[in-house]
Amino acid sequence: MAEGNGHGGKREGAGRKPRADEESLIEKLKPMDEKALAMIDEGLQNKDAAILKIFMSYRYGQPRQTIDTNIMGDLSINWLEVKTYDTK
């Protein structure tokens, strides 16, 4: 798409950051690993429910969620009629 035509297109800063940026951030955070683990340990020892919930979700994953799709009561569906034309 052409620039400036009002139809979207590439925007500066949009999209996923380059892998090098992610790796740089990981390297900057590495020295804090021990401190972070100590804080998590402290929170677990203090029986902090929020820390336990986050720890468990990262360690074992989110529990499976189910969605009830049963609908009770009145249901109104507006159908759109689509007409097709033979162009031959």
Protein backbone atom coordinates (compact mmCIF):
# COMPACT_ATOMS: atom_id res chain seq x y z
CA MET A 1 0.00 0.00 0.00
CA ALA A 2 1.22 3.43 -0.81
CA GLU A 3 2.32 5.79 1.94
CA GLY A 4 -0.07 8.57 2.81
CA ASN A 5 -3.05 7.13 0.96
CA GLY A 6 -5.08 6.71 4.17
CA HIS A 7 -5.42 2.96 3.73
CA GLY A 8 -3.04 1.84 6.47
CA GLY A 9 0.25 0.21 5.73
CA LYS A 10 3.60 0.23 7.45
CA ARG A 11 3.87 2.29 10.62
CA GLU A 12 7.11 3.06 12.37
CA GLY A 13 7.49 1.07 15.58
CA ALA A 14 4.69 -1.35 14.68
CA GLY A 15 5.05 -5.09 14.78
CA ARG A 16 7.22 -7.47 16.75
CA LYS A 17 10.52 -6.18 18.04
CA PRO A 18 13.65 -7.73 16.53
CA ARG A 19 15.04 -10.84 18.24
CA ALA A 20 18.23 -8.90 19.04
CA ASP A 21 16.19 -6.46 21.15
CA GLU A 22 14.61 -9.36 23.06
CA GLU A 23 18.00 -10.98 23.66
CA SER A 24 19.43 -7.66 24.85
CA LEU A 25 16.61 -7.28 27.38
CA ILE A 26 17.11 -10.86 28.59
CA GLU A 27 20.82 -10.19 29.11
CA LYS A 28 20.05 -7.02 31.09
CA LEU A 29 17.64 -8.93 33.34
CA LYS A 30 19.92 -11.95 33.98
CA PRO A 31 21.75 -10.35 36.96
CA MET A 32 18.38 -9.96 38.69
CA ASP A 33 17.43 -13.66 38.45
CA GLU A 34 18.60 -14.60 41.94
CA LYS A 35 16.92 -11.58 43.52
CA ALA A 36 13.66 -12.30 41.72
CA LEU A 37 13.73 -15.96 42.77
CA ALA A 38 14.44 -14.93 46.37
CA MET A 39 11.45 -12.56 46.29
CA ILE A 40 9.22 -15.30 44.88
CA ASP A 41 10.46 -17.65 47.61
CA GLU A 42 9.72 -15.01 50.27
CA GLY A 43 6.23 -14.47 48.88
CA LEU A 44 5.53 -18.20 48.88
CA GLN A 45 6.78 -18.51 52.48
CA ASN A 46 4.46 -15.65 53.45
CA LYS A 47 1.59 -17.52 51.76
CA ASP A 48 0.94 -14.69 49.29
CA ALA A 49 -1.87 -16.06 47.11
CA ALA A 50 -1.07 -13.79 44.15
CA ILE A 51 2.54 -14.97 43.98
CA LEU A 52 1.44 -18.60 44.32
CA LYS A 53 -1.06 -18.17 41.48
CA ILE A 54 1.54 -16.60 39.17
CA PHE A 55 4.17 -19.20 40.11
CA MET A 56 1.82 -22.09 39.42
CA SER A 57 0.62 -20.65 36.09
CA TYR A 58 4.20 -20.21 34.86
CA ARG A 59 5.39 -23.54 36.25
CA TYR A 60 2.47 -25.76 35.20
CA GLY A 61 0.51 -23.62 32.73
CA GLN A 62 -2.97 -22.17 32.89
CA PRO A 63 -5.76 -24.57 33.83
CA ARG A 64 -8.06 -25.64 31.03
CA GLN A 65 -10.99 -23.29 30.68
CA THR A 66 -14.41 -24.33 29.48
CA ILE A 67 -17.03 -22.04 28.02
CA ASP A 68 -20.73 -22.74 28.42
CA THR A 69 -22.34 -22.14 25.04
CA ASN A 70 -25.89 -22.88 26.14
CA ILE A 71 -28.15 -19.88 25.69
CA MET A 72 -31.18 -19.42 27.90
CA GLY A 73 -34.03 -17.09 27.08
CA ASP A 74 -34.97 -15.34 23.87
CA LEU A 75 -32.53 -15.40 21.01
CA SER A 76 -32.96 -13.12 18.07
CA ILE A 77 -30.88 -13.71 14.96
CA ASN A 78 -31.07 -11.32 12.06
CA TRP A 79 -30.16 -13.12 8.87
CA LEU A 80 -28.83 -11.19 5.94
CA GLU A 81 -30.08 -12.40 2.59
CA VAL A 82 -27.29 -12.56 0.05
CA LYS A 83 -28.29 -12.47 -3.59
CA THR A 84 -26.00 -13.87 -6.23
CA TYR A 85 -26.15 -13.05 -9.88
CA ASP A 86 -25.08 -15.23 -12.76
CA THR A 87 -22.72 -13.15 -14.89
CA LYS A 88 -22.42 -15.60 -17.76
